[in-house]
N, C-alpha and C. Protein backbone atom coordinates (compact mmCIF):
# COMPACT_ATOMS: atom_id res chain seq x y z
N PHE A 1 -9.59 49.63 16.61
CA PHE A 1 -10.86 50.13 17.48
C PHE A 1 -11.94 50.42 16.22
N PHE A 2 -13.07 50.12 17.04
CA PHE A 2 -14.40 50.26 16.75
C PHE A 2 -15.57 51.30 16.56
N LYS A 3 -15.97 51.99 15.72
CA LYS A 3 -16.82 53.30 16.16
C LYS A 3 -17.90 52.71 16.78
N ASN A 4 -18.62 52.10 17.16
CA ASN A 4 -19.60 51.73 17.41
C ASN A 4 -19.98 49.80 17.62
N LYS A 5 -20.98 49.45 18.23
CA LYS A 5 -21.09 48.72 18.02
C LYS A 5 -21.45 47.69 17.23
N GLU A 6 -22.19 48.47 16.01
CA GLU A 6 -22.31 47.87 14.54
C GLU A 6 -21.66 47.09 14.50
N GLN A 7 -20.38 47.78 14.80
CA GLN A 7 -18.75 48.09 13.81
C GLN A 7 -17.92 47.01 14.50
N PHE A 8 -18.37 46.18 15.57
CA PHE A 8 -18.05 45.18 16.83
C PHE A 8 -18.48 43.63 15.97
N PHE A 9 -19.50 44.34 15.85
CA PHE A 9 -20.24 43.01 15.23
C PHE A 9 -20.05 42.30 14.36
N ASN A 10 -20.38 43.34 13.67
CA ASN A 10 -19.61 43.34 12.34
C ASN A 10 -18.93 42.07 11.81
N ALA A 11 -17.40 42.90 12.99
CA ALA A 11 -16.46 42.03 12.91
C ALA A 11 -16.43 40.97 13.24
N TYR A 12 -17.34 40.84 14.64
CA TYR A 12 -16.88 39.49 15.22
C TYR A 12 -17.98 38.35 14.28
N ARG A 13 -18.57 38.81 13.79
CA ARG A 13 -19.45 37.88 12.95
C ARG A 13 -18.63 37.09 11.65
N SER A 14 -17.82 38.64 11.50
CA SER A 14 -17.10 38.07 10.06
C SER A 14 -15.43 36.73 10.46
N ALA A 15 -15.34 36.93 11.89
CA ALA A 15 -14.49 36.23 12.50
C ALA A 15 -15.01 34.52 12.04
N GLN A 16 -16.06 34.72 13.17
CA GLN A 16 -16.67 33.64 13.51
C GLN A 16 -17.15 32.87 11.84
N LEU A 17 -17.65 33.49 11.23
CA LEU A 17 -17.36 32.75 9.45
C LEU A 17 -15.73 32.09 8.93
N SER A 18 -15.03 33.35 9.27
CA SER A 18 -13.61 33.01 8.36
C SER A 18 -13.43 31.56 9.47
N LEU A 19 -13.11 31.60 10.48
CA LEU A 19 -12.86 30.34 11.01
C LEU A 19 -13.86 29.31 10.88
N GLN A 20 -14.82 29.35 11.24
CA GLN A 20 -16.47 28.06 10.42
C GLN A 20 -15.72 27.73 9.40
N GLN A 21 -15.21 28.88 7.87
CA GLN A 21 -15.02 28.42 6.87
C GLN A 21 -13.71 27.59 6.83
N ARG A 22 -13.05 27.63 7.99
CA ARG A 22 -11.41 27.08 7.94
C ARG A 22 -11.52 25.73 8.19
N ASP A 23 -12.60 25.33 9.38
CA ASP A 23 -13.02 24.17 9.60
C ASP A 23 -13.36 23.08 8.81
N GLU A 24 -14.47 23.70 8.10
CA GLU A 24 -14.88 23.45 6.49
C GLU A 24 -13.57 22.63 5.34
N ASN A 25 -12.90 23.30 5.13
CA ASN A 25 -12.06 23.27 4.47
C ASN A 25 -10.83 22.12 5.19
N GLU A 26 -10.72 22.69 6.59
CA GLU A 26 -9.89 21.48 7.27
C GLU A 26 -10.38 20.13 6.63
N ALA A 27 -11.89 19.86 7.74
CA ALA A 27 -12.33 18.77 7.48
C ALA A 27 -13.00 18.05 6.04
N GLN A 28 -12.99 19.27 5.13
CA GLN A 28 -13.19 18.17 3.68
C GLN A 28 -11.45 17.62 2.89
N LEU A 29 -10.26 18.37 3.46
CA LEU A 29 -8.64 18.28 3.26
C LEU A 29 -8.50 16.95 4.07
N LYS A 30 -9.66 16.53 5.47
CA LYS A 30 -8.88 14.95 6.01
C LYS A 30 -9.21 14.06 5.38
N LEU A 31 -11.34 14.19 4.48
CA LEU A 31 -11.93 12.84 3.60
C LEU A 31 -10.98 13.51 2.71
N LEU A 32 -10.78 13.79 2.10
CA LEU A 32 -10.22 14.09 0.68
C LEU A 32 -8.97 13.09 0.82
N LEU A 33 -8.08 13.22 2.22
CA LEU A 33 -6.66 12.69 2.49
C LEU A 33 -7.44 11.19 2.77
N ASP A 34 -7.66 10.87 3.09
CA ASP A 34 -8.71 9.77 3.67
C ASP A 34 -9.05 8.67 2.43
N GLU A 35 -9.68 9.52 1.59
CA GLU A 35 -9.75 8.85 0.57
C GLU A 35 -9.39 8.51 -0.22
N ASN A 36 -7.97 9.37 -0.64
CA ASN A 36 -6.78 9.15 -1.50
C ASN A 36 -5.56 8.10 -0.88
N GLU A 37 -5.99 7.75 -0.15
CA GLU A 37 -5.17 6.40 1.07
C GLU A 37 -5.80 5.35 0.52
N THR A 38 -7.31 5.35 0.74
CA THR A 38 -8.32 4.39 0.34
C THR A 38 -7.86 3.82 -0.92
N LEU A 39 -7.75 4.83 -1.86
CA LEU A 39 -7.53 4.46 -3.61
C LEU A 39 -6.70 3.97 -3.50
N LYS A 40 -5.49 4.14 -2.76
CA LYS A 40 -4.09 3.96 -3.16
C LYS A 40 -3.78 2.74 -2.48
N GLN A 41 -4.23 2.13 -1.57
CA GLN A 41 -4.34 0.92 -0.92
C GLN A 41 -4.96 -0.20 -1.57
N GLN A 42 -6.22 0.37 -2.08
CA GLN A 42 -7.25 -0.23 -3.78
C GLN A 42 -6.29 -0.68 -4.62
N LEU A 43 -5.77 -0.06 -5.32
CA LEU A 43 -4.53 -0.07 -6.40
C LEU A 43 -3.91 -0.95 -6.49
N GLY A 44 -2.62 -0.66 -5.28
CA GLY A 44 -2.03 -1.35 -4.64
C GLY A 44 -2.05 -2.67 -4.92
N PHE A 45 -3.20 -3.75 -3.84
CA PHE A 45 -3.74 -4.32 -3.89
C PHE A 45 -3.76 -5.15 -5.45
N LYS A 46 -4.53 -4.55 -6.54
CA LYS A 46 -4.54 -4.50 -8.08
C LYS A 46 -3.50 -5.14 -8.74
N GLU A 47 -2.19 -4.20 -8.01
CA GLU A 47 -1.35 -4.33 -8.98
C GLU A 47 -0.20 -5.07 -8.11
N LYS A 48 -0.39 -5.68 -7.15
CA LYS A 48 0.40 -6.69 -6.95
C LYS A 48 0.03 -8.19 -7.44
N ASN A 49 -1.53 -8.05 -7.20
CA ASN A 49 -1.87 -9.85 -7.30
C ASN A 49 -1.99 -10.31 -8.99
N LYS A 50 -1.89 -8.97 -9.41
CA LYS A 50 -2.41 -8.75 -11.09
C LYS A 50 -3.97 -9.39 -11.06
N ARG A 51 -5.37 -9.04 -10.09
CA ARG A 51 -6.41 -9.50 -10.25
C ARG A 51 -7.13 -8.44 -11.63
N ASN A 52 -8.26 -9.07 -12.03
CA ASN A 52 -9.08 -8.04 -13.12
C ASN A 52 -9.97 -7.64 -11.61
N SER A 53 -10.00 -6.87 -11.48
CA SER A 53 -11.02 -5.66 -9.86
C SER A 53 -11.01 -4.47 -10.81
N ILE A 54 -12.87 -3.93 -10.13
CA ILE A 54 -13.38 -3.40 -10.40
C ILE A 54 -13.71 -2.20 -9.14
N LEU A 55 -13.05 -1.03 -8.70
CA LEU A 55 -13.71 0.03 -7.97
C LEU A 55 -15.09 0.63 -7.62
N ALA A 56 -15.31 0.32 -6.66
CA ALA A 56 -16.63 0.44 -6.44
C ALA A 56 -17.57 1.31 -5.05
N THR A 57 -17.95 2.89 -5.05
CA THR A 57 -18.61 3.28 -4.18
C THR A 57 -19.79 2.23 -3.61
N VAL A 58 -19.76 2.19 -2.52
CA VAL A 58 -21.18 1.91 -1.69
C VAL A 58 -22.17 3.64 -1.35
N ILE A 59 -23.05 3.18 -1.82
CA ILE A 59 -24.24 4.11 -2.28
C ILE A 59 -25.67 3.47 -1.37
N GLY A 60 -25.34 3.09 -0.66
CA GLY A 60 -26.96 2.35 -0.35
C GLY A 60 -26.07 0.64 1.25
N ASN A 61 -26.87 1.03 2.03
CA ASN A 61 -26.97 -0.54 3.09
C ASN A 61 -27.98 -0.88 4.12
N ASN A 62 -27.93 -2.04 4.30
CA ASN A 62 -29.07 -2.67 5.22
C ASN A 62 -27.91 -3.25 6.00
N LEU A 63 -27.80 -2.52 7.77
CA LEU A 63 -27.28 -2.60 8.39
C LEU A 63 -28.36 -3.27 10.04
N GLU A 64 -29.51 -3.49 9.41
CA GLU A 64 -30.65 -4.10 11.03
C GLU A 64 -29.93 -4.86 10.99
N GLY A 65 -30.23 -5.19 12.30
CA GLY A 65 -30.58 -6.70 12.83
C GLY A 65 -29.21 -7.66 12.30
N THR A 66 -29.57 -8.99 11.68
CA THR A 66 -28.50 -10.06 11.94
C THR A 66 -28.30 -9.85 10.25
N GLU A 67 -29.38 -8.73 9.45
CA GLU A 67 -28.97 -8.52 7.84
C GLU A 67 -28.26 -7.51 7.61
N LYS A 68 -26.84 -7.98 6.94
CA LYS A 68 -25.58 -6.79 6.63
C LYS A 68 -25.40 -7.03 5.18
N THR A 69 -26.55 -5.72 4.74
CA THR A 69 -25.76 -5.76 3.07
C THR A 69 -25.59 -4.54 2.57
N ILE A 70 -24.52 -4.46 1.98
CA ILE A 70 -24.39 -2.28 0.94
C ILE A 70 -25.19 -2.88 -0.15
N ILE A 71 -25.17 -1.62 -1.09
CA ILE A 71 -25.28 -1.40 -2.19
C ILE A 71 -24.04 -0.76 -3.13
N ILE A 72 -23.47 -0.93 -4.27
CA ILE A 72 -22.65 -0.72 -4.83
C ILE A 72 -22.70 0.09 -5.49
N ASP A 73 -21.98 0.87 -6.80
CA ASP A 73 -22.63 1.63 -7.68
C ASP A 73 -22.00 0.76 -9.21
N ARG A 74 -22.02 -0.50 -8.60
CA ARG A 74 -21.20 -1.04 -10.13
C ARG A 74 -22.27 -2.26 -10.19
N GLY A 75 -22.30 -2.53 -11.73
CA GLY A 75 -23.21 -4.18 -11.59
C GLY A 75 -22.81 -4.58 -12.68
N GLU A 76 -23.93 -5.32 -13.70
CA GLU A 76 -23.67 -6.15 -14.45
C GLU A 76 -22.47 -5.82 -15.48
N LYS A 77 -23.08 -4.48 -16.22
CA LYS A 77 -21.94 -4.12 -17.22
C LYS A 77 -20.66 -4.03 -16.60
N GLU A 78 -20.35 -4.48 -16.04
CA GLU A 78 -18.99 -4.13 -15.72
C GLU A 78 -18.70 -4.93 -15.05
N GLY A 79 -18.63 -5.97 -15.83
CA GLY A 79 -19.03 -7.73 -15.64
C GLY A 79 -18.91 -8.60 -14.01
N ILE A 80 -19.74 -7.57 -13.02
CA ILE A 80 -19.65 -8.53 -12.19
C ILE A 80 -20.76 -9.10 -11.80
N LYS A 81 -20.63 -10.58 -11.15
CA LYS A 81 -21.14 -11.63 -11.33
C LYS A 81 -21.16 -11.99 -9.51
N ILE A 82 -22.78 -13.08 -9.64
CA ILE A 82 -23.09 -13.41 -8.16
C ILE A 82 -22.10 -14.19 -8.24
N GLY A 83 -21.57 -13.70 -6.59
CA GLY A 83 -20.04 -14.95 -5.94
C GLY A 83 -18.96 -14.12 -6.00
N ASP A 84 -19.35 -12.45 -6.55
CA ASP A 84 -17.82 -12.30 -6.45
C ASP A 84 -17.15 -11.56 -5.31
N PRO A 85 -16.09 -11.95 -5.05
CA PRO A 85 -15.64 -10.93 -3.18
C PRO A 85 -15.55 -9.54 -3.55
N ALA A 86 -16.07 -9.18 -2.28
CA ALA A 86 -15.40 -8.09 -2.56
C ALA A 86 -14.31 -7.84 -1.23
N ILE A 87 -13.84 -6.42 -1.41
CA ILE A 87 -12.30 -6.70 -0.12
C ILE A 87 -12.32 -4.38 -0.30
N VAL A 88 -11.49 -4.83 0.53
CA VAL A 88 -11.18 -2.94 0.71
C VAL A 88 -9.72 -3.52 1.11
N ASP A 89 -9.08 -1.94 1.09
CA ASP A 89 -7.64 -1.64 1.21
C ASP A 89 -6.81 -2.69 0.70
N GLU A 90 -5.53 -3.85 0.98
CA GLU A 90 -4.77 -4.66 0.15
C GLU A 90 -5.26 -6.06 0.50
N GLY A 91 -6.36 -5.90 0.19
CA GLY A 91 -7.12 -8.07 0.39
C GLY A 91 -7.33 -7.84 1.56
N ILE A 92 -8.34 -7.08 2.71
CA ILE A 92 -9.41 -7.54 2.89
C ILE A 92 -10.75 -7.99 2.51
N LEU A 93 -10.63 -9.30 2.79
CA LEU A 93 -12.53 -9.47 2.28
C LEU A 93 -13.58 -9.23 3.10
N VAL A 94 -14.26 -8.49 2.63
CA VAL A 94 -15.71 -7.95 3.54
C VAL A 94 -16.93 -8.73 3.30
N GLY A 95 -16.79 -9.29 2.24
CA GLY A 95 -17.92 -9.56 1.88
C GLY A 95 -18.16 -10.74 0.15
N GLU A 96 -19.61 -11.09 -0.28
CA GLU A 96 -19.44 -10.96 -1.82
C GLU A 96 -21.14 -11.15 -2.39
N VAL A 97 -21.03 -10.76 -3.75
CA VAL A 97 -21.75 -10.57 -4.14
C VAL A 97 -22.95 -11.11 -4.47
N VAL A 98 -24.00 -10.83 -3.75
CA VAL A 98 -25.15 -11.59 -4.35
C VAL A 98 -26.50 -11.57 -4.40
N LYS A 99 -26.94 -10.14 -5.55
CA LYS A 99 -27.30 -9.80 -6.41
C LYS A 99 -27.03 -8.54 -7.19
N VAL A 100 -27.32 -8.80 -8.66
CA VAL A 100 -26.30 -8.13 -9.67
C VAL A 100 -27.18 -7.89 -10.95
N GLU A 101 -27.94 -6.30 -10.80
CA GLU A 101 -28.50 -5.43 -11.60
C GLU A 101 -27.64 -5.02 -12.80
N ASN A 102 -28.14 -4.16 -13.59
CA ASN A 102 -27.73 -3.53 -14.76
C ASN A 102 -26.31 -2.97 -13.94
N ASP A 103 -27.25 -1.66 -13.22
CA ASP A 103 -25.49 -0.56 -12.85
C ASP A 103 -25.68 -0.99 -11.70
N ILE A 104 -26.37 -1.67 -10.69
CA ILE A 104 -25.81 -2.36 -8.97
C ILE A 104 -25.92 -3.11 -8.83
N SER A 105 -24.73 -3.13 -7.80
CA SER A 105 -25.03 -4.81 -6.85
C SER A 105 -25.49 -4.47 -5.67
N ILE A 106 -25.60 -5.88 -4.95
CA ILE A 106 -25.82 -5.78 -3.36
C ILE A 106 -24.51 -6.90 -3.20
N VAL A 107 -24.22 -6.66 -2.24
CA VAL A 107 -23.27 -7.13 -1.51
C VAL A 107 -23.33 -8.07 0.11
N ARG A 108 -23.31 -8.93 -0.19
CA ARG A 108 -23.35 -8.90 1.39
C ARG A 108 -22.51 -9.00 2.63
N LEU A 109 -22.51 -8.72 3.32
CA LEU A 109 -21.23 -8.31 4.22
C LEU A 109 -20.88 -9.46 5.10
N LEU A 110 -19.80 -10.46 5.95
CA LEU A 110 -19.29 -11.89 6.27
C LEU A 110 -20.02 -11.67 7.75
N SER A 111 -20.30 -10.28 8.13
CA SER A 111 -21.23 -10.24 9.63
C SER A 111 -22.96 -10.71 9.01
N ASP A 112 -23.32 -10.40 8.08
CA ASP A 112 -24.89 -11.09 7.62
C ASP A 112 -25.15 -12.65 8.03
N ASN A 113 -26.53 -12.61 9.37
CA ASN A 113 -26.38 -13.50 9.11
C ASN A 113 -26.23 -15.34 8.44
N GLN A 114 -26.37 -14.91 7.27
CA GLN A 114 -26.75 -15.53 5.98
C GLN A 114 -25.13 -16.32 5.34
N SER A 115 -23.70 -15.36 5.94
CA SER A 115 -22.86 -15.57 5.22
C SER A 115 -22.13 -16.76 5.80
N LYS A 116 -21.49 -17.40 4.41
CA LYS A 116 -20.69 -18.49 4.96
C LYS A 116 -19.34 -17.98 4.15
N ILE A 117 -17.66 -18.40 4.73
CA ILE A 117 -17.17 -18.66 3.59
C ILE A 117 -16.37 -19.46 4.31
N ALA A 118 -15.62 -20.21 3.67
CA ALA A 118 -14.89 -21.68 3.24
C ALA A 118 -13.18 -20.38 3.65
N ALA A 119 -12.48 -20.85 5.00
CA ALA A 119 -11.77 -20.86 5.58
C ALA A 119 -10.80 -21.16 6.13
N THR A 120 -9.14 -20.67 6.46
CA THR A 120 -7.88 -21.48 6.67
C THR A 120 -7.29 -20.45 8.37
N ILE A 121 -6.86 -21.29 8.85
CA ILE A 121 -6.03 -20.36 10.44
C ILE A 121 -4.97 -20.83 9.83
N ILE A 122 -4.34 -19.43 10.19
CA ILE A 122 -2.45 -20.16 9.49
C ILE A 122 -1.63 -19.89 11.04
N ASN A 123 -2.04 -21.39 11.01
CA ASN A 123 -1.40 -22.16 12.03
C ASN A 123 -0.70 -23.37 11.81
N LYS A 124 -0.05 -24.32 11.97
CA LYS A 124 1.16 -24.96 12.04
C LYS A 124 -0.23 -26.35 11.16
N GLU A 125 -1.30 -26.60 11.16
CA GLU A 125 -1.81 -27.60 10.34
C GLU A 125 -3.04 -26.99 9.82
N LYS A 126 -2.71 -25.60 9.49
CA LYS A 126 -3.25 -24.93 8.17
C LYS A 126 -4.82 -25.17 8.57
N SER A 127 -5.52 -25.21 9.89
CA SER A 127 -6.48 -25.27 9.81
C SER A 127 -7.96 -25.32 8.51
N LEU A 128 -8.77 -25.77 8.69
CA LEU A 128 -9.56 -25.73 7.98
C LEU A 128 -11.04 -25.29 8.59
N GLY A 129 -11.82 -24.19 7.80
CA GLY A 129 -12.84 -24.12 8.60
C GLY A 129 -14.26 -23.06 8.29
N VAL A 130 -15.48 -23.25 8.47
CA VAL A 130 -16.24 -22.53 7.96
C VAL A 130 -16.46 -21.00 8.69
N VAL A 131 -15.94 -20.06 8.04
CA VAL A 131 -16.31 -18.26 8.46
C VAL A 131 -18.27 -17.91 8.56
N GLU A 132 -18.65 -17.67 9.49
CA GLU A 132 -19.95 -17.46 9.62
C GLU A 132 -20.65 -16.07 9.92
N GLY A 133 -21.53 -15.80 9.67
CA GLY A 133 -21.58 -14.54 10.12
C GLY A 133 -23.09 -14.23 10.94
N GLY A 134 -23.69 -12.92 11.40
CA GLY A 134 -24.72 -12.94 12.62
C GLY A 134 -24.45 -13.41 13.74
N TYR A 135 -23.46 -12.66 14.86
CA TYR A 135 -22.43 -12.67 15.57
C TYR A 135 -22.52 -11.03 15.77
N GLY A 136 -22.95 -10.20 16.03
CA GLY A 136 -23.02 -8.81 16.11
C GLY A 136 -22.11 -8.27 15.51
N LEU A 137 -20.57 -8.03 16.55
CA LEU A 137 -20.09 -7.17 16.18
C LEU A 137 -18.59 -8.23 15.39
N SER A 138 -18.55 -9.24 15.98
CA SER A 138 -17.70 -10.16 15.17
C SER A 138 -18.50 -11.11 14.49
N VAL A 139 -17.19 -11.90 14.29
CA VAL A 139 -17.73 -13.80 12.82
C VAL A 139 -17.44 -14.45 13.91
N LYS A 140 -17.90 -15.95 13.08
CA LYS A 140 -16.81 -17.06 13.92
C LYS A 140 -16.85 -17.93 12.82
N MET A 141 -15.38 -18.61 13.42
CA MET A 141 -15.86 -20.11 12.44
C MET A 141 -15.06 -21.14 12.79
N ASN A 142 -16.36 -21.64 12.50
CA ASN A 142 -16.46 -23.52 12.68
C ASN A 142 -15.88 -24.37 12.24
N PHE A 143 -16.64 -25.89 12.80
CA PHE A 143 -16.28 -26.90 12.32
C PHE A 143 -14.51 -26.90 12.13
N ILE A 144 -14.52 -26.47 12.74
CA ILE A 144 -12.32 -26.78 13.10
C ILE A 144 -11.75 -27.49 13.67
N PRO A 145 -11.17 -28.58 13.26
CA PRO A 145 -11.19 -29.89 13.58
C PRO A 145 -10.29 -29.93 15.02
N ARG A 146 -11.06 -30.74 16.17
CA ARG A 146 -10.44 -30.11 17.80
C ARG A 146 -9.27 -30.43 18.23
N ASN A 147 -8.45 -31.38 17.59
CA ASN A 147 -7.65 -32.20 17.80
C ASN A 147 -6.32 -31.05 17.27
N GLU A 148 -6.40 -30.11 16.36
CA GLU A 148 -5.71 -28.89 15.97
C GLU A 148 -5.69 -27.74 16.52
N ALA A 149 -3.79 -27.13 17.14
CA ALA A 149 -3.90 -26.34 18.18
C ALA A 149 -4.61 -24.97 17.22
N VAL A 150 -5.12 -24.05 18.00
CA VAL A 150 -5.30 -23.29 17.13
C VAL A 150 -4.80 -21.55 18.54
N GLN A 151 -4.50 -20.73 18.29
CA GLN A 151 -4.17 -19.52 19.53
C GLN A 151 -4.95 -18.56 18.82
N ILE A 152 -4.71 -17.75 19.83
CA ILE A 152 -5.64 -16.05 19.75
C ILE A 152 -4.57 -15.34 19.35
N GLY A 153 -4.58 -14.69 18.09
CA GLY A 153 -3.68 -13.65 17.38
C GLY A 153 -3.74 -14.43 15.96
N ASP A 154 -4.11 -15.78 16.04
CA ASP A 154 -3.54 -16.70 14.46
C ASP A 154 -4.92 -15.74 13.83
N LEU A 155 -4.32 -15.01 12.32
CA LEU A 155 -4.84 -14.50 11.24
C LEU A 155 -5.53 -15.79 10.47
N VAL A 156 -6.62 -15.10 9.73
CA VAL A 156 -7.47 -15.91 9.21
C VAL A 156 -7.68 -15.69 8.19
N VAL A 157 -7.50 -16.77 6.77
CA VAL A 157 -7.48 -15.81 5.41
C VAL A 157 -8.70 -17.04 4.75
N THR A 158 -8.98 -16.40 3.40
CA THR A 158 -9.74 -16.89 2.56
C THR A 158 -8.94 -18.49 2.36
N SER A 159 -9.53 -19.36 2.09
CA SER A 159 -8.76 -21.13 1.71
C SER A 159 -8.33 -21.59 -0.09
N GLY A 160 -9.21 -20.65 -0.52
CA GLY A 160 -9.02 -20.61 -1.84
C GLY A 160 -10.28 -22.37 -2.11
N LEU A 161 -11.04 -22.83 -1.56
CA LEU A 161 -12.23 -23.79 -1.99
C LEU A 161 -13.19 -23.43 -2.22
N GLU A 162 -13.94 -22.54 -2.44
CA GLU A 162 -14.84 -21.41 -3.68
C GLU A 162 -14.62 -21.26 -4.75
N GLU A 163 -15.31 -21.44 -5.76
CA GLU A 163 -14.72 -21.62 -6.70
C GLU A 163 -14.46 -19.35 -7.22
N ASN A 164 -15.20 -19.03 -6.79
CA ASN A 164 -14.97 -17.24 -6.77
C ASN A 164 -13.91 -16.80 -6.07
N ILE A 165 -14.30 -17.04 -5.39
CA ILE A 165 -13.12 -16.55 -4.00
C ILE A 165 -11.66 -17.15 -3.87
N PRO A 166 -10.16 -15.98 -4.28
CA PRO A 166 -8.87 -16.85 -4.34
C PRO A 166 -8.95 -17.34 -2.42
N ARG A 167 -7.65 -18.25 -2.79
CA ARG A 167 -6.71 -17.91 -1.40
C ARG A 167 -6.13 -17.03 -1.39
N GLY A 168 -6.38 -16.87 0.31
CA GLY A 168 -5.31 -15.48 0.83
C GLY A 168 -5.89 -14.75 1.26
N LEU A 169 -6.90 -13.92 0.88
CA LEU A 169 -7.79 -12.75 1.33
C LEU A 169 -7.32 -13.23 2.71
N LEU A 170 -7.03 -11.88 3.30
CA LEU A 170 -7.75 -11.47 4.74
C LEU A 170 -8.58 -11.31 5.09
N ILE A 171 -9.29 -12.23 6.34
CA ILE A 171 -10.85 -12.26 6.91
C ILE A 171 -11.01 -11.66 8.29
N GLY A 172 -9.54 -11.85 8.87
CA GLY A 172 -9.34 -11.47 10.82
C GLY A 172 -8.41 -12.20 11.41
N LYS A 173 -8.98 -11.83 12.94
CA LYS A 173 -7.65 -12.00 13.67
C LYS A 173 -8.19 -13.07 15.20
N VAL A 174 -8.16 -14.10 15.33
CA VAL A 174 -9.24 -14.62 16.28
C VAL A 174 -8.58 -14.09 17.64
N ALA A 175 -9.64 -14.24 18.53
CA ALA A 175 -10.05 -13.46 19.13
C ALA A 175 -10.99 -14.26 20.46
N ALA A 176 -11.05 -15.87 20.37
CA ALA A 176 -11.01 -16.22 21.13
C ALA A 176 -11.48 -17.81 21.26
N ILE A 177 -11.66 -18.58 21.61
CA ILE A 177 -11.52 -20.40 21.25
C ILE A 177 -12.63 -20.79 22.51
N GLU A 178 -13.53 -21.70 21.72
CA GLU A 178 -14.34 -22.46 21.56
C GLU A 178 -13.98 -23.78 21.55
N ASN A 179 -13.58 -24.79 23.23
CA ASN A 179 -13.34 -26.07 22.81
C ASN A 179 -13.85 -27.00 23.84
N GLU A 180 -15.22 -27.00 23.78
CA GLU A 180 -16.08 -28.32 24.25
C GLU A 180 -15.38 -29.65 24.00
N ALA A 181 -15.60 -30.58 25.30
CA ALA A 181 -15.33 -31.91 24.77
C ALA A 181 -16.37 -32.49 24.26
N TYR A 182 -17.27 -32.29 24.21
CA TYR A 182 -18.91 -33.11 24.30
C TYR A 182 -19.36 -32.35 22.33
N GLN A 183 -17.95 -31.36 22.27
CA GLN A 183 -18.66 -31.33 21.24
C GLN A 183 -17.99 -31.44 19.82
N PRO A 184 -17.64 -31.71 18.27
CA PRO A 184 -16.74 -32.77 17.16
C PRO A 184 -16.17 -32.00 16.98
N PHE A 185 -16.21 -30.69 16.93
CA PHE A 185 -16.00 -29.51 16.97
C PHE A 185 -15.17 -28.49 17.21
N GLN A 186 -14.22 -27.66 17.11
CA GLN A 186 -14.11 -26.14 17.73
C GLN A 186 -14.11 -25.09 17.42
N GLN A 187 -15.13 -24.29 17.84
CA GLN A 187 -15.08 -23.16 17.68
C GLN A 187 -13.80 -22.19 17.65
N ALA A 188 -13.96 -20.22 16.87
CA ALA A 188 -13.04 -19.18 17.31
C ALA A 188 -13.74 -18.25 16.80
N VAL A 189 -14.02 -17.51 17.42
CA VAL A 189 -14.81 -16.30 17.59
C VAL A 189 -13.40 -15.13 16.92
N LEU A 190 -13.83 -14.30 15.83
CA LEU A 190 -12.29 -13.74 14.95
C LEU A 190 -12.98 -12.15 15.30
N THR A 191 -11.69 -11.41 15.39
CA THR A 191 -11.99 -10.09 14.75
C THR A 191 -12.00 -9.36 13.78
N PRO A 192 -12.42 -9.26 12.68
CA PRO A 192 -12.52 -9.23 11.42
C PRO A 192 -11.64 -7.81 11.58
N SER A 193 -10.74 -7.92 10.20
CA SER A 193 -10.11 -6.78 9.62
C SER A 193 -10.18 -5.38 9.31
N SER A 194 -11.35 -5.77 9.18
CA SER A 194 -11.87 -3.93 8.55
C SER A 194 -13.20 -4.23 9.39
N ASP A 195 -13.93 -2.84 9.95
CA ASP A 195 -15.06 -2.34 10.34
C ASP A 195 -15.84 -2.33 9.16
N TYR A 196 -17.14 -3.24 9.45
CA TYR A 196 -17.83 -3.24 8.20
C TYR A 196 -18.49 -2.34 7.71
N ASP A 197 -18.81 -1.28 9.11
CA ASP A 197 -19.67 -0.26 9.13
C ASP A 197 -19.22 1.56 8.30
N ARG A 198 -18.16 1.19 8.01
CA ARG A 198 -17.58 2.57 7.61
C ARG A 198 -16.30 2.49 6.26
N PHE A 199 -16.69 1.67 5.36
CA PHE A 199 -15.82 2.14 4.69
C PHE A 199 -16.17 2.85 3.47
N VAL A 200 -15.77 3.55 2.22
CA VAL A 200 -16.83 4.21 1.78
C VAL A 200 -17.20 3.66 0.28
N TYR A 201 -15.84 2.80 0.24
CA TYR A 201 -14.98 2.42 -1.66
C TYR A 201 -14.61 1.27 -1.06
N LEU A 202 -14.95 -0.19 -2.15
CA LEU A 202 -14.54 -1.32 -2.10
C LEU A 202 -14.08 -1.70 -3.39
N SER A 203 -13.44 -3.16 -3.50
CA SER A 203 -13.26 -3.51 -5.05
C SER A 203 -13.81 -4.66 -4.76
N ILE A 204 -14.30 -4.87 -6.39
CA ILE A 204 -14.99 -6.41 -6.68
C ILE A 204 -14.09 -7.37 -7.34
N ILE A 205 -13.34 -8.24 -6.91
CA ILE A 205 -12.80 -9.37 -7.59
C ILE A 205 -13.53 -9.95 -8.82
N LEU A 206 -13.03 -9.54 -9.97
CA LEU A 206 -13.98 -9.91 -11.14
C LEU A 206 -13.39 -11.38 -11.56
N SER A 207 -14.56 -12.66 -11.52
CA SER A 207 -13.73 -13.64 -12.28
C SER A 207 -13.93 -14.25 -12.89
N LYS A 208 -13.23 -15.05 -13.86
CA LYS A 208 -12.86 -15.01 -14.99
C LYS A 208 -14.25 -15.65 -16.12
């Protein structure tokens, strides 16, 4: 029981603050758990593949229009070079380094309109092509030979034909196929395996 209105409202405010504090603590805990899982996956890739990589935090981005780049807090002094691939989780390619300064680097995401990555479809023919950005939420794989069978759901990985990008990094899945009779090649619309707008940490695979 409360002796007066003031006691009641004080108790009410105290209960509200307690609930707010509980929600804040719960939110912080969920963030920490998510970040811990992300870091474990990045470490798992490094241990499994024995590749020299460095963890970085995203500190800025430019995702307007067809330009899709992010800024990370690692740079030349950590050994990062132009052309080094950027990955998340246990080996999902999300972009490559296009500019390096002493303490920061700029990563061009696969969805950027200037992005071009040599890739392979995991099908019977191991079809080769080029994954290009600039298509909004999806990316496209171009220059796939017309006579090779591509199915919706086929996985697409890096081909290893580029100097700094190892073979087998996951890019995405085939979501749609465009195979016009009058075109010399077929195209595949891909669903990326990672949401380019949402990761906080990534790893840079350092070139030798």
